[in-house]
C-alpha atoms as a PDB file:
ATOM      1  CA  UNK A   1     -11.124 -13.900  16.239  1.00  0.00           C
ATOM      2  CA  UNK A   2     -14.294 -12.344  17.664  1.00  0.00           C
ATOM      3  CA  UNK A   3     -13.481  -8.985  19.315  1.00  0.00           C
ATOM      4  CA  UNK A   4     -14.312  -8.415  22.967  1.00  0.00           C
ATOM      5  CA  UNK A   5     -15.895  -5.047  22.200  1.00  0.00           C
ATOM      6  CA  UNK A   6     -17.446  -3.946  18.903  1.00  0.00           C
ATOM      7  CA  UNK A   7     -18.719  -0.428  18.273  1.00  0.00           C
ATOM      8  CA  UNK A   8     -20.762  -0.031  15.091  1.00  0.00           C
ATOM      9  CA  UNK A   9     -21.912   3.279  13.539  1.00  0.00           C
ATOM     10  CA  UNK A  10     -22.244   5.039  16.907  1.00  0.00           C
ATOM     11  CA  UNK A  11     -24.017   8.396  16.696  1.00  0.00           C
ATOM     12  CA  UNK A  12     -24.561  10.943  19.459  1.00  0.00           C
ATOM     13  CA  UNK A  13     -26.619  14.125  19.081  1.00  0.00           C
ATOM     14  CA  UNK A  14     -26.797  16.860  21.708  1.00  0.00           C
ATOM     15  CA  UNK A  15     -29.659  19.384  21.691  1.00  0.00           C
ATOM     16  CA  UNK A  16     -28.745  22.938  20.716  1.00  0.00           C
ATOM     17  CA  UNK A  17     -30.637  26.251  20.926  1.00  0.00           C
ATOM     18  CA  UNK A  18     -33.359  26.858  18.376  1.00  0.00           C
ATOM     19  CA  UNK A  19     -34.496  23.264  18.245  1.00  0.00           C
ATOM     20  CA  UNK A  20     -31.309  22.214  16.479  1.00  0.00           C
ATOM     21  CA  UNK A  21     -28.821  19.525  17.476  1.00  0.00           C
ATOM     22  CA  UNK A  22     -25.056  19.114  17.521  1.00  0.00           C
ATOM     23  CA  UNK A  23     -23.593  15.903  16.112  1.00  0.00           C
ATOM     24  CA  UNK A  24     -20.825  14.929  18.557  1.00  0.00           C
ATOM     25  CA  UNK A  25     -20.298  11.362  17.272  1.00  0.00           C
ATOM     26  CA  UNK A  26     -20.866  10.688  13.597  1.00  0.00           C
ATOM     27  CA  UNK A  27     -20.914   6.977  12.796  1.00  0.00           C
ATOM     28  CA  UNK A  28     -17.985   5.837  14.972  1.00  0.00           C
ATOM     29  CA  UNK A  29     -16.916   2.206  14.502  1.00  0.00           C
ATOM     30  CA  UNK A  30     -14.022   0.232  15.993  1.00  0.00           C
ATOM     31  CA  UNK A  31     -13.260  -3.026  17.761  1.00  0.00           C
ATOM     32  CA  UNK A  32     -11.198  -4.053  20.775  1.00  0.00           C
ATOM     33  CA  UNK A  33      -9.570  -7.462  21.148  1.00  0.00           C
ATOM     34  CA  UNK A  34      -8.852  -9.241  24.424  1.00  0.00           C
ATOM     35  CA  UNK A  35      -5.756  -7.832  26.096  1.00  0.00           C
ATOM     36  CA  UNK A  36      -5.361  -5.103  23.461  1.00  0.00           C
ATOM     37  CA  UNK A  37      -4.589  -1.451  24.087  1.00  0.00           C
ATOM     38  CA  UNK A  38      -6.423   0.755  21.600  1.00  0.00           C
ATOM     39  CA  UNK A  39      -5.332   4.389  21.675  1.00  0.00           C
ATOM     40  CA  UNK A  40      -7.650   7.208  20.608  1.00  0.00           C
ATOM     41  CA  UNK A  41      -6.183  10.615  19.742  1.00  0.00           C
ATOM     42  CA  UNK A  42      -7.425  13.911  18.351  1.00  0.00           C
ATOM     43  CA  UNK A  43      -7.767  17.594  19.110  1.00  0.00           C
ATOM     44  CA  UNK A  44      -9.928  18.886  21.947  1.00  0.00           C
ATOM     45  CA  UNK A  45     -13.603  18.786  21.017  1.00  0.00           C
ATOM     46  CA  UNK A  46     -13.284  15.976  18.483  1.00  0.00           C
ATOM     47  CA  UNK A  47     -15.545  13.629  20.465  1.00  0.00           C
ATOM     48  CA  UNK A  48     -13.079  11.473  22.410  1.00  0.00           C
ATOM     49  CA  UNK A  49     -14.624  12.002  25.844  1.00  0.00           C
ATOM     50  CA  UNK A  50     -18.157  11.820  24.441  1.00  0.00           C
ATOM     51  CA  UNK A  51     -17.229   8.424  23.017  1.00  0.00           C
ATOM     52  CA  UNK A  52     -15.905   7.271  26.403  1.00  0.00           C
ATOM     53  CA  UNK A  53     -19.024   8.404  28.234  1.00  0.00           C
ATOM     54  CA  UNK A  54     -21.275   6.776  25.648  1.00  0.00           C
ATOM     55  CA  UNK A  55     -19.414   3.468  25.899  1.00  0.00           C
ATOM     56  CA  UNK A  56     -19.943   3.558  29.670  1.00  0.00           C
ATOM     57  CA  UNK A  57     -23.631   4.428  29.255  1.00  0.00           C
ATOM     58  CA  UNK A  58     -23.015   7.700  31.120  1.00  0.00           C
ATOM     59  CA  UNK A  59     -24.426   9.284  27.969  1.00  0.00           C
ATOM     60  CA  UNK A  60     -27.087   7.708  25.765  1.00  0.00           C
ATOM     61  CA  UNK A  61     -26.221   7.078  22.118  1.00  0.00           C
ATOM     62  CA  UNK A  62     -28.653   8.394  19.515  1.00  0.00           C
ATOM     63  CA  UNK A  63     -28.108   5.330  17.319  1.00  0.00           C
ATOM     64  CA  UNK A  64     -25.605   2.592  16.566  1.00  0.00           C
ATOM     65  CA  UNK A  65     -24.530  -0.509  18.459  1.00  0.00           C
ATOM     66  CA  UNK A  66     -22.120  -1.348  21.278  1.00  0.00           C
ATOM     67  CA  UNK A  67     -21.536  -5.080  21.659  1.00  0.00           C
ATOM     68  CA  UNK A  68     -19.586  -6.505  24.604  1.00  0.00           C
ATOM     69  CA  UNK A  69     -18.848 -10.194  24.062  1.00  0.00           C
ATOM     70  CA  UNK A  70     -21.875 -10.275  21.766  1.00  0.00           C
ATOM     71  CA  UNK A  71     -24.220  -8.597  24.281  1.00  0.00           C
ATOM     72  CA  UNK A  72     -25.959  -5.356  23.334  1.00  0.00           C
ATOM     73  CA  UNK A  73     -24.715  -2.779  25.852  1.00  0.00           C
ATOM     74  CA  UNK A  74     -27.234  -0.150  24.750  1.00  0.00           C
ATOM     75  CA  UNK A  75     -30.166  -2.477  25.438  1.00  0.00           C
ATOM     76  CA  UNK A  76     -28.981  -3.497  28.918  1.00  0.00           C
ATOM     77  CA  UNK A  77     -31.139  -2.482  31.874  1.00  0.00           C
ATOM     78  CA  UNK A  78     -31.211  -3.117  35.615  1.00  0.00           C
ATOM     79  CA  UNK A  79     -29.075  -6.054  36.729  1.00  0.00           C
ATOM     80  CA  UNK A  80     -27.688  -6.608  33.241  1.00  0.00           C
ATOM     81  CA  UNK A  81     -26.413  -3.022  33.066  1.00  0.00           C
ATOM     82  CA  UNK A  82     -24.992  -3.239  36.582  1.00  0.00           C
ATOM     83  CA  UNK A  83     -23.096  -6.400  35.632  1.00  0.00           C
ATOM     84  CA  UNK A  84     -21.751  -4.817  32.449  1.00  0.00           C
ATOM     85  CA  UNK A  85     -20.496  -1.822  34.397  1.00  0.00           C
ATOM     86  CA  UNK A  86     -18.535  -4.225  36.560  1.00  0.00           C
ATOM     87  CA  UNK A  87     -16.914  -5.643  33.408  1.00  0.00           C
ATOM     88  CA  UNK A  88     -16.086  -2.229  31.890  1.00  0.00           C
ATOM     89  CA  UNK A  89     -14.648   0.423  34.196  1.00  0.00           C
ATOM     90  CA  UNK A  90     -13.371   3.955  33.679  1.00  0.00           C
ATOM     91  CA  UNK A  91     -10.453   6.049  34.935  1.00  0.00           C
ATOM     92  CA  UNK A  92     -11.092   9.795  34.667  1.00  0.00           C
ATOM     93  CA  UNK A  93      -8.754  12.699  33.906  1.00  0.00           C
ATOM     94  CA  UNK A  94      -8.783  14.471  37.269  1.00  0.00           C
ATOM     95  CA  UNK A  95      -7.407  12.154  39.971  1.00  0.00           C
ATOM     96  CA  UNK A  96      -8.534  14.486  42.742  1.00  0.00           C
ATOM     97  CA  UNK A  97     -11.990  15.435  41.512  1.00  0.00           C
ATOM     98  CA  UNK A  98     -12.916  11.785  40.959  1.00  0.00           C
ATOM     99  CA  UNK A  99     -12.154  10.813  44.587  1.00  0.00           C
ATOM    100  CA  UNK A 100     -14.406  11.799  47.492  1.00  0.00           C
ATOM    101  CA  UNK A 101     -12.156  13.971  49.718  1.00  0.00           C
ATOM    102  CA  UNK A 102     -14.008  12.904  52.898  1.00  0.00           C
ATOM    103  CA  UNK A 103     -13.607   9.166  52.403  1.00  0.00           C
ATOM    104  CA  UNK A 104     -10.611   7.047  53.321  1.00  0.00           C
ATOM    105  CA  UNK A 105      -8.727   5.254  50.580  1.00  0.00           C
ATOM    106  CA  UNK A 106     -10.071   1.931  51.860  1.00  0.00           C
ATOM    107  CA  UNK A 107     -13.631   3.172  51.459  1.00  0.00           C
ATOM    108  CA  UNK A 108     -12.930   4.698  48.029  1.00  0.00           C
ATOM    109  CA  UNK A 109     -11.301   1.582  46.576  1.00  0.00           C
ATOM    110  CA  UNK A 110     -13.797  -0.742  48.241  1.00  0.00           C
ATOM    111  CA  UNK A 111     -16.937   1.182  47.271  1.00  0.00           C
ATOM    112  CA  UNK A 112     -17.574  -0.798  44.038  1.00  0.00           C
ATOM    113  CA  UNK A 113     -17.480  -4.008  46.079  1.00  0.00           C
ATOM    114  CA  UNK A 114     -20.199  -2.634  48.375  1.00  0.00           C
ATOM    115  CA  UNK A 115     -22.365  -1.480  45.456  1.00  0.00           C
ATOM    116  CA  UNK A 116     -22.074  -4.895  43.791  1.00  0.00           C
ATOM    117  CA  UNK A 117     -22.435  -6.871  47.052  1.00  0.00           C
ATOM    118  CA  UNK A 118     -19.013  -8.505  46.821  1.00  0.00           C
ATOM    119  CA  UNK A 119     -17.518  -9.983  50.018  1.00  0.00           C
ATOM    120  CA  UNK A 120     -13.968  -9.598  51.343  1.00  0.00           C
ATOM    121  CA  UNK A 121     -13.628  -5.861  50.910  1.00  0.00           C
ATOM    122  CA  UNK A 122     -10.703  -5.300  53.309  1.00  0.00           C
ATOM    123  CA  UNK A 123      -8.631  -8.118  51.812  1.00  0.00           C
ATOM    124  CA  UNK A 124      -9.360  -6.966  48.265  1.00  0.00           C
ATOM    125  CA  UNK A 125      -8.320  -3.393  49.102  1.00  0.00           C
ATOM    126  CA  UNK A 126      -4.993  -4.635  50.477  1.00  0.00           C
ATOM    127  CA  UNK A 127      -4.471  -6.709  47.348  1.00  0.00           C
ATOM    128  CA  UNK A 128      -5.187  -3.721  45.114  1.00  0.00           C
ATOM    129  CA  UNK A 129      -2.853  -1.424  47.052  1.00  0.00           C
ATOM    130  CA  UNK A 130      -0.058  -3.938  46.466  1.00  0.00           C
ATOM    131  CA  UNK A 131      -0.988  -4.101  42.785  1.00  0.00           C
ATOM    132  CA  UNK A 132      -0.716  -0.331  42.254  1.00  0.00           C
ATOM    133  CA  UNK A 133       2.430   0.065  44.345  1.00  0.00           C
ATOM    134  CA  UNK A 134       1.097   1.843  47.442  1.00  0.00           C
ATOM    135  CA  UNK A 135       1.729   0.754  51.070  1.00  0.00           C
ATOM    136  CA  UNK A 136      -0.942  -0.892  53.187  1.00  0.00           C
ATOM    137  CA  UNK A 137      -0.920   2.166  55.461  1.00  0.00           C
ATOM    138  CA  UNK A 138      -2.506   4.170  52.619  1.00  0.00           C
ATOM    139  CA  UNK A 139      -5.861   2.540  53.356  1.00  0.00           C
ATOM    140  CA  UNK A 140      -6.573   4.723  56.382  1.00  0.00           C
ATOM    141  CA  UNK A 141      -5.551   8.029  54.784  1.00  0.00           C
ATOM    142  CA  UNK A 142      -7.500  10.655  52.821  1.00  0.00           C
ATOM    143  CA  UNK A 143      -7.001  11.714  49.163  1.00  0.00           C
ATOM    144  CA  UNK A 144      -5.440  15.107  49.984  1.00  0.00           C
ATOM    145  CA  UNK A 145      -2.544  13.296  51.658  1.00  0.00           C
ATOM    146  CA  UNK A 146      -1.337  11.913  48.335  1.00  0.00           C
ATOM    147  CA  UNK A 147       0.354  13.346  45.260  1.00  0.00           C
ATOM    148  CA  UNK A 148      -1.428  13.580  41.917  1.00  0.00           C
ATOM    149  CA  UNK A 149       0.260  10.455  40.624  1.00  0.00           C
ATOM    150  CA  UNK A 150      -0.625   8.512  43.781  1.00  0.00           C
ATOM    151  CA  UNK A 151      -4.237   9.664  43.541  1.00  0.00           C
ATOM    152  CA  UNK A 152      -4.407   8.404  39.973  1.00  0.00           C
ATOM    153  CA  UNK A 153      -3.053   5.041  41.162  1.00  0.00           C
ATOM    154  CA  UNK A 154      -5.881   4.996  43.715  1.00  0.00           C
ATOM    155  CA  UNK A 155      -8.405   5.760  40.972  1.00  0.00           C
ATOM    156  CA  UNK A 156      -6.989   2.868  38.945  1.00  0.00           C
ATOM    157  CA  UNK A 157      -7.245   0.565  41.969  1.00  0.00           C
ATOM    158  CA  UNK A 158     -10.911   1.520  42.389  1.00  0.00           C
ATOM    159  CA  UNK A 159     -11.515   0.758  38.700  1.00  0.00           C
ATOM    160  CA  UNK A 160      -9.894  -2.659  39.188  1.00  0.00           C
ATOM    161  CA  UNK A 161     -11.870  -3.575  42.306  1.00  0.00           C
ATOM    162  CA  UNK A 162     -14.445  -5.682  40.439  1.00  0.00           C
ATOM    163  CA  UNK A 163     -11.824  -7.371  38.206  1.00  0.00           C
ATOM    164  CA  UNK A 164     -13.073  -5.762  34.974  1.00  0.00           C
ATOM    165  CA  UNK A 165     -12.001  -6.976  31.551  1.00  0.00           C
ATOM    166  CA  UNK A 166     -11.887  -3.508  29.971  1.00  0.00           C
ATOM    167  CA  UNK A 167     -10.579  -0.203  31.330  1.00  0.00           C
ATOM    168  CA  UNK A 168     -11.399   3.080  29.598  1.00  0.00           C
ATOM    169  CA  UNK A 169      -8.725   5.636  30.521  1.00  0.00           C
ATOM    170  CA  UNK A 170      -9.962   9.092  29.476  1.00  0.00           C
ATOM    171  CA  UNK A 171      -6.996  11.510  29.504  1.00  0.00           C
ATOM    172  CA  UNK A 172      -5.818   9.624  32.583  1.00  0.00           C
ATOM    173  CA  UNK A 173      -2.300  11.112  32.541  1.00  0.00           C
ATOM    174  CA  UNK A 174      -2.856  14.566  31.030  1.00  0.00           C
ATOM    175  CA  UNK A 175      -3.147  16.301  34.432  1.00  0.00           C
ATOM    176  CA  UNK A 176       0.156  14.828  35.656  1.00  0.00           C
ATOM    177  CA  UNK A 177       3.783  15.907  35.340  1.00  0.00           C
ATOM    178  CA  UNK A 178       5.723  14.232  32.543  1.00  0.00           C
ATOM    179  CA  UNK A 179       7.812  12.099  34.902  1.00  0.00           C
ATOM    180  CA  UNK A 180       4.679  10.913  36.708  1.00  0.00           C
ATOM    181  CA  UNK A 181       2.915  10.268  33.397  1.00  0.00           C
ATOM    182  CA  UNK A 182       5.518   7.671  32.499  1.00  0.00           C
ATOM    183  CA  UNK A 183       4.979   5.883  35.826  1.00  0.00           C
ATOM    184  CA  UNK A 184       1.217   5.639  35.254  1.00  0.00           C
ATOM    185  CA  UNK A 185       1.720   4.508  31.654  1.00  0.00           C
ATOM    186  CA  UNK A 186       4.110   1.802  32.826  1.00  0.00           C
ATOM    187  CA  UNK A 187       1.585   0.748  35.479  1.00  0.00           C
ATOM    188  CA  UNK A 188      -1.161   0.391  32.860  1.00  0.00           C
ATOM    189  CA  UNK A 189       1.153  -1.641  30.639  1.00  0.00           C
ATOM    190  CA  UNK A 190       2.019  -3.897  33.589  1.00  0.00           C
ATOM    191  CA  UNK A 191      -1.648  -4.374  34.466  1.00  0.00           C
ATOM    192  CA  UNK A 192      -2.367  -5.354  30.868  1.00  0.00           C
ATOM    193  CA  UNK A 193       0.393  -7.985  31.047  1.00  0.00           C
ATOM    194  CA  UNK A 194      -0.452  -9.303  34.518  1.00  0.00           C
ATOM    195  CA  UNK A 195      -4.262  -9.192  34.373  1.00  0.00           C
ATOM    196  CA  UNK A 196      -4.937  -9.554  30.665  1.00  0.00           C
ATOM    197  CA  UNK A 197      -6.798  -6.233  30.644  1.00  0.00           C
ATOM    198  CA  UNK A 198      -7.993  -4.614  27.452  1.00  0.00           C
ATOM    199  CA  UNK A 199      -7.595  -0.834  27.582  1.00  0.00           C
ATOM    200  CA  UNK A 200      -9.078   2.033  25.600  1.00  0.00           C
ATOM    201  CA  UNK A 201      -6.535   4.798  26.165  1.00  0.00           C
ATOM    202  CA  UNK A 202      -7.761   8.280  25.223  1.00  0.00           C
ATOM    203  CA  UNK A 203      -5.346  11.191  24.948  1.00  0.00           C
ATOM    204  CA  UNK A 204      -4.522  14.298  22.925  1.00  0.00           C
ATOM    205  CA  UNK A 205      -0.798  13.442  23.238  1.00  0.00           C
ATOM    206  CA  UNK A 206       0.346  11.255  20.344  1.00  0.00           C
ATOM    207  CA  UNK A 207       3.725  10.482  21.884  1.00  0.00           C
ATOM    208  CA  UNK A 208       2.057   9.041  25.000  1.00  0.00           C
ATOM    209  CA  UNK A 209      -0.412   7.007  22.941  1.00  0.00           C
ATOM    210  CA  UNK A 210       2.363   5.677  20.731  1.00  0.00           C
ATOM    211  CA  UNK A 211       4.317   4.398  23.727  1.00  0.00           C
ATOM    212  CA  UNK A 212       1.403   2.397  25.146  1.00  0.00           C
ATOM    213  CA  UNK A 213      -0.915   1.356  22.321  1.00  0.00           C
ATOM    214  CA  UNK A 214      -1.064  -1.650  20.009  1.00  0.00           C
ATOM    215  CA  UNK A 215      -3.428   0.134  17.624  1.00  0.00           C
ATOM    216  CA  UNK A 216      -4.394   3.779  17.312  1.00  0.00           C
ATOM    217  CA  UNK A 217      -7.537   5.501  16.065  1.00  0.00           C
ATOM    218  CA  UNK A 218      -7.332   9.162  15.040  1.00  0.00           C
ATOM    219  CA  UNK A 219     -10.535  11.167  15.567  1.00  0.00           C
ATOM    220  CA  UNK A 220     -11.562  14.372  13.834  1.00  0.00           C
ATOM    221  CA  UNK A 221     -14.889  16.128  14.191  1.00  0.00           C
ATOM    222  CA  UNK A 222     -16.718  13.124  15.682  1.00  0.00           C
ATOM    223  CA  UNK A 223     -15.325  10.530  13.265  1.00  0.00           C
ATOM    224  CA  UNK A 224     -12.341   8.248  12.954  1.00  0.00           C
ATOM    225  CA  UNK A 225     -10.223   9.340  10.009  1.00  0.00           C
ATOM    226  CA  UNK A 226      -7.573   6.640  10.404  1.00  0.00           C
ATOM    227  CA  UNK A 227      -7.031   3.397  12.313  1.00  0.00           C
ATOM    228  CA  UNK A 228      -3.835   1.364  12.174  1.00  0.00           C
ATOM    229  CA  UNK A 229      -1.215  -0.374  14.248  1.00  0.00           C
ATOM    230  CA  UNK A 230       0.968   2.091  16.149  1.00  0.00           C
ATOM    231  CA  UNK A 231       3.984   1.096  14.046  1.00  0.00           C
ATOM    232  CA  UNK A 232       2.193   1.612  10.714  1.00  0.00           C
ATOM    233  CA  UNK A 233       0.522   4.836  11.768  1.00  0.00           C
ATOM    234  CA  UNK A 234       3.767   6.513  12.771  1.00  0.00           C
ATOM    235  CA  UNK A 235       5.815   5.133   9.889  1.00  0.00           C
ATOM    236  CA  UNK A 236       3.527   6.017   6.962  1.00  0.00           C
ATOM    237  CA  UNK A 237       0.247   7.719   7.960  1.00  0.00           C
ATOM    238  CA  UNK A 238      -2.338   7.591   5.174  1.00  0.00           C
ATOM    239  CA  UNK A 239      -4.500  10.544   6.203  1.00  0.00           C
ATOM    240  CA  UNK A 240      -3.353  14.188   5.951  1.00  0.00           C
ATOM    241  CA  UNK A 241      -4.723  15.004   9.411  1.00  0.00           C
ATOM    242  CA  UNK A 242      -2.768  12.145  10.985  1.00  0.00           C
ATOM    243  CA  UNK A 243       0.344  13.304   9.172  1.00  0.00           C
ATOM    244  CA  UNK A 244      -0.107  16.840  10.500  1.00  0.00           C
ATOM    245  CA  UNK A 245      -0.522  15.580  14.089  1.00  0.00           C
ATOM    246  CA  UNK A 246       2.587  13.415  13.853  1.00  0.00           C
ATOM    247  CA  UNK A 247       4.615  16.267  12.381  1.00  0.00           C
ATOM    248  CA  UNK A 248       3.979  18.210  15.598  1.00  0.00           C
ATOM    249  CA  UNK A 249       5.406  15.480  17.854  1.00  0.00           C
ATOM    250  CA  UNK A 250       8.985  16.406  18.850  1.00  0.00           C
ATOM    251  CA  UNK A 251      11.952  14.029  18.646  1.00  0.00           C
ATOM    252  CA  UNK A 252      10.394  11.318  16.569  1.00  0.00           C
ATOM    253  CA  UNK A 253      13.208  10.202  14.248  1.00  0.00           C
ATOM    254  CA  UNK A 254      12.064   8.497  11.076  1.00  0.00           C
ATOM    255  CA  UNK A 255       8.378   9.369  11.348  1.00  0.00           C
ATOM    256  CA  UNK A 256       6.777  10.836   8.256  1.00  0.00           C
ATOM    257  CA  UNK A 257       6.487  14.580   8.656  1.00  0.00           C
ATOM    258  CA  UNK A 258       8.422  14.509  11.941  1.00  0.00           C
ATOM    259  CA  UNK A 259      11.888  15.960  12.580  1.00  0.00           C
ATOM    260  CA  UNK A 260      13.104  14.303   9.362  1.00  0.00           C
ATOM    261  CA  UNK A 261      10.487  16.251   7.408  1.00  0.00           C
ATOM    262  CA  UNK A 262       8.751  19.614   7.434  1.00  0.00           C
ATOM    263  CA  UNK A 263       6.314  20.550  10.191  1.00  0.00           C
ATOM    264  CA  UNK A 264       2.782  20.659   8.803  1.00  0.00           C
ATOM    265  CA  UNK A 265       0.849  23.622  10.159  1.00  0.00           C
ATOM    266  CA  UNK A 266      -2.888  23.403   9.530  1.00  0.00           C
ATOM    267  CA  UNK A 267      -4.667  26.575   8.494  1.00  0.00           C
ATOM    268  CA  UNK A 268      -7.938  27.619  10.085  1.00  0.00           C
ATOM    269  CA  UNK A 269      -9.716  26.263  13.147  1.00  0.00           C
ATOM    270  CA  UNK A 270     -11.663  23.093  13.807  1.00  0.00           C
ATOM    271  CA  UNK A 271     -15.107  23.752  12.242  1.00  0.00           C
ATOM    272  CA  UNK A 272     -18.055  24.537  14.459  1.00  0.00           C
ATOM    273  CA  UNK A 273     -19.965  21.363  15.307  1.00  0.00           C
ATOM    274  CA  UNK A 274     -23.211  23.143  14.527  1.00  0.00           C
ATOM    275  CA  UNK A 275     -22.036  24.138  11.031  1.00  0.00           C
ATOM    276  CA  UNK A 276     -20.545  21.064   9.421  1.00  0.00           C
ATOM    277  CA  UNK A 277     -18.862  21.465   6.035  1.00  0.00           C
ATOM    278  CA  UNK A 278     -20.002  19.315   3.132  1.00  0.00           C
ATOM    279  CA  UNK A 279     -17.906  16.536   1.681  1.00  0.00           C
ATOM    280  CA  UNK A 280     -14.834  15.547   3.660  1.00  0.00           C
ATOM    281  CA  UNK A 281     -15.033  17.246   7.060  1.00  0.00           C
ATOM    282  CA  UNK A 282     -11.290  17.930   6.983  1.00  0.00           C
ATOM    283  CA  UNK A 283     -11.169  19.579   3.557  1.00  0.00           C
ATOM    284  CA  UNK A 284     -11.369  23.239   4.789  1.00  0.00           C
ATOM    285  CA  UNK A 285      -8.029  22.714   6.590  1.00  0.00           C
ATOM    286  CA  UNK A 286      -6.477  20.097   4.304  1.00  0.00           C
ATOM    287  CA  UNK A 287      -3.256  20.944   2.449  1.00  0.00           C
ATOM    288  CA  UNK A 288      -3.840  18.339  -0.302  1.00  0.00           C
ATOM    289  CA  UNK A 289      -7.585  18.835  -0.804  1.00  0.00           C
ATOM    290  CA  UNK A 290      -8.979  18.455  -4.334  1.00  0.00           C
ATOM    291  CA  UNK A 291     -12.341  19.503  -5.805  1.00  0.00           C
ATOM    292  CA  UNK A 292     -13.799  16.078  -5.023  1.00  0.00           C
ATOM    293  CA  UNK A 293     -13.121  16.563  -1.307  1.00  0.00           C
ATOM    294  CA  UNK A 294     -15.646  19.403  -1.110  1.00  0.00           C
ATOM    295  CA  UNK A 295     -18.491  17.189  -2.351  1.00  0.00           C
ATOM    296  CA  UNK A 296     -17.884  13.507  -1.549  1.00  0.00           C
ATOM    297  CA  UNK A 297     -17.610  12.059   1.969  1.00  0.00           C
ATOM    298  CA  UNK A 298     -14.720   9.546   2.071  1.00  0.00           C
ATOM    299  CA  UNK A 299     -15.563   6.279   3.868  1.00  0.00           C
ATOM    300  CA  UNK A 300     -13.284   4.816   6.512  1.00  0.00           C
ATOM    301  CA  UNK A 301     -11.926   1.923   4.482  1.00  0.00           C
ATOM    302  CA  UNK A 302      -8.903  -0.300   4.009  1.00  0.00           C
ATOM    303  CA  UNK A 303      -6.203   1.212   1.826  1.00  0.00           C
ATOM    304  CA  UNK A 304      -3.903  -1.810   1.508  1.00  0.00           C
ATOM    305  CA  UNK A 305      -5.012  -5.350   0.601  1.00  0.00           C
ATOM    306  CA  UNK A 306      -2.234  -6.861   2.720  1.00  0.00           C
ATOM    307  CA  UNK A 307      -3.345  -4.897   5.829  1.00  0.00           C
ATOM    308  CA  UNK A 308      -7.161  -4.953   5.979  1.00  0.00           C
ATOM    309  CA  UNK A 309      -7.172  -3.447   9.483  1.00  0.00           C
ATOM    310  CA  UNK A 310      -5.387  -0.303   8.284  1.00  0.00           C
ATOM    311  CA  UNK A 311      -8.254   2.093   7.602  1.00  0.00           C
ATOM    312  CA  UNK A 312      -8.231   5.642   6.277  1.00  0.00           C
ATOM    313  CA  UNK A 313     -11.017   8.105   5.456  1.00  0.00           C
ATOM    314  CA  UNK A 314      -9.253   9.939   2.622  1.00  0.00           C
ATOM    315  CA  UNK A 315      -9.991   9.829  -1.108  1.00  0.00           C
ATOM    316  CA  UNK A 316      -6.262  10.075  -1.776  1.00  0.00           C
ATOM    317  CA  UNK A 317      -4.805   7.777   0.892  1.00  0.00           C
ATOM    318  CA  UNK A 318      -2.900   5.789  -1.750  1.00  0.00           C
ATOM    319  CA  UNK A 319      -1.516   8.952  -3.320  1.00  0.00           C
ATOM    320  CA  UNK A 320      -0.756  10.970  -0.206  1.00  0.00           C
ATOM    321  CA  UNK A 321       3.053  10.818  -0.462  1.00  0.00           C
ATOM    322  CA  UNK A 322       3.026  12.254  -3.972  1.00  0.00           C
ATOM    323  CA  UNK A 323       0.435  14.914  -3.167  1.00  0.00           C
ATOM    324  CA  UNK A 324       2.321  16.056  -0.061  1.00  0.00           C
ATOM    325  CA  UNK A 325       5.555  16.281  -2.045  1.00  0.00           C
ATOM    326  CA  UNK A 326       3.791  18.216  -4.817  1.00  0.00           C
ATOM    327  CA  UNK A 327       2.265  20.646  -2.315  1.00  0.00           C
ATOM    328  CA  UNK A 328       5.638  21.190  -0.638  1.00  0.00           C
ATOM    329  CA  UNK A 329       7.225  21.894  -4.019  1.00  0.00           C
ATOM    330  CA  UNK A 330       4.563  24.461  -4.917  1.00  0.00           C
ATOM    331  CA  UNK A 331       5.052  26.272  -1.600  1.00  0.00           C
ATOM    332  CA  UNK A 332       8.797  26.697  -1.922  1.00  0.00           C
END
């Protein structure tokens, strides 16, 4: 089946002092099917938000391709770009900072309809308020009169105003209390079911991503190091970085490296983007690294013939269980 969104070898450079550049995205590739929720996780600074902004054309890619239903997003200009932005919408992290404090909720939610010359703004706003679970009386109020969770619902309603097919949620629940997070996650899941939305859900919290996503991509240093279904990723991760992240998630019975196994604590810090190590980017922190890892860059490739969509960028993905056990034995 042809994916709705295809991202191929996406690269993003940012200028740095001294005429140098920082590589924020390094050949990122993934696809998104209709109605699918694709979760993206990784440490702060790994490129998640840069990827979101580049997909939305809020930042310009240095190279690569973004195809939406076969159309080249990076080549779109004028009316074509305006139409594409109606099809792909974004929900930002800060539900207060993304809403104009001087505008009523009706104006905020209805603004995309004005920009795109769509009729029936008042009726559409009422419909969207019902959809996100807020009363009709909310339309005449201002953002400061709502809680953080309610403001994020308003931001979601604004993103839905033009009936997009894809929503990019960039850390959309990270600024909220845990109890409110679950409400927003459930709302997104309901919207996927009711509207057939495809969602790219970006977060640093693996437990949140696991609850919502069909597939998950793990980012490190501007690259995907693993992509798999949520079930496969949490049951038997094939990349040492993924395994370390999962080991840090509390109360995850049965997950490799979780409470049923030893916590994996990575040594060192995430490398400086301006000083990239050779070979595998993860090898300076990797607990199973071999000599080869310092020289050869592992491709993101399938590790199991029966699951071609399960991708890992590790030379030893097929041997990871044995290598982890051997390392644990040596450290006793």
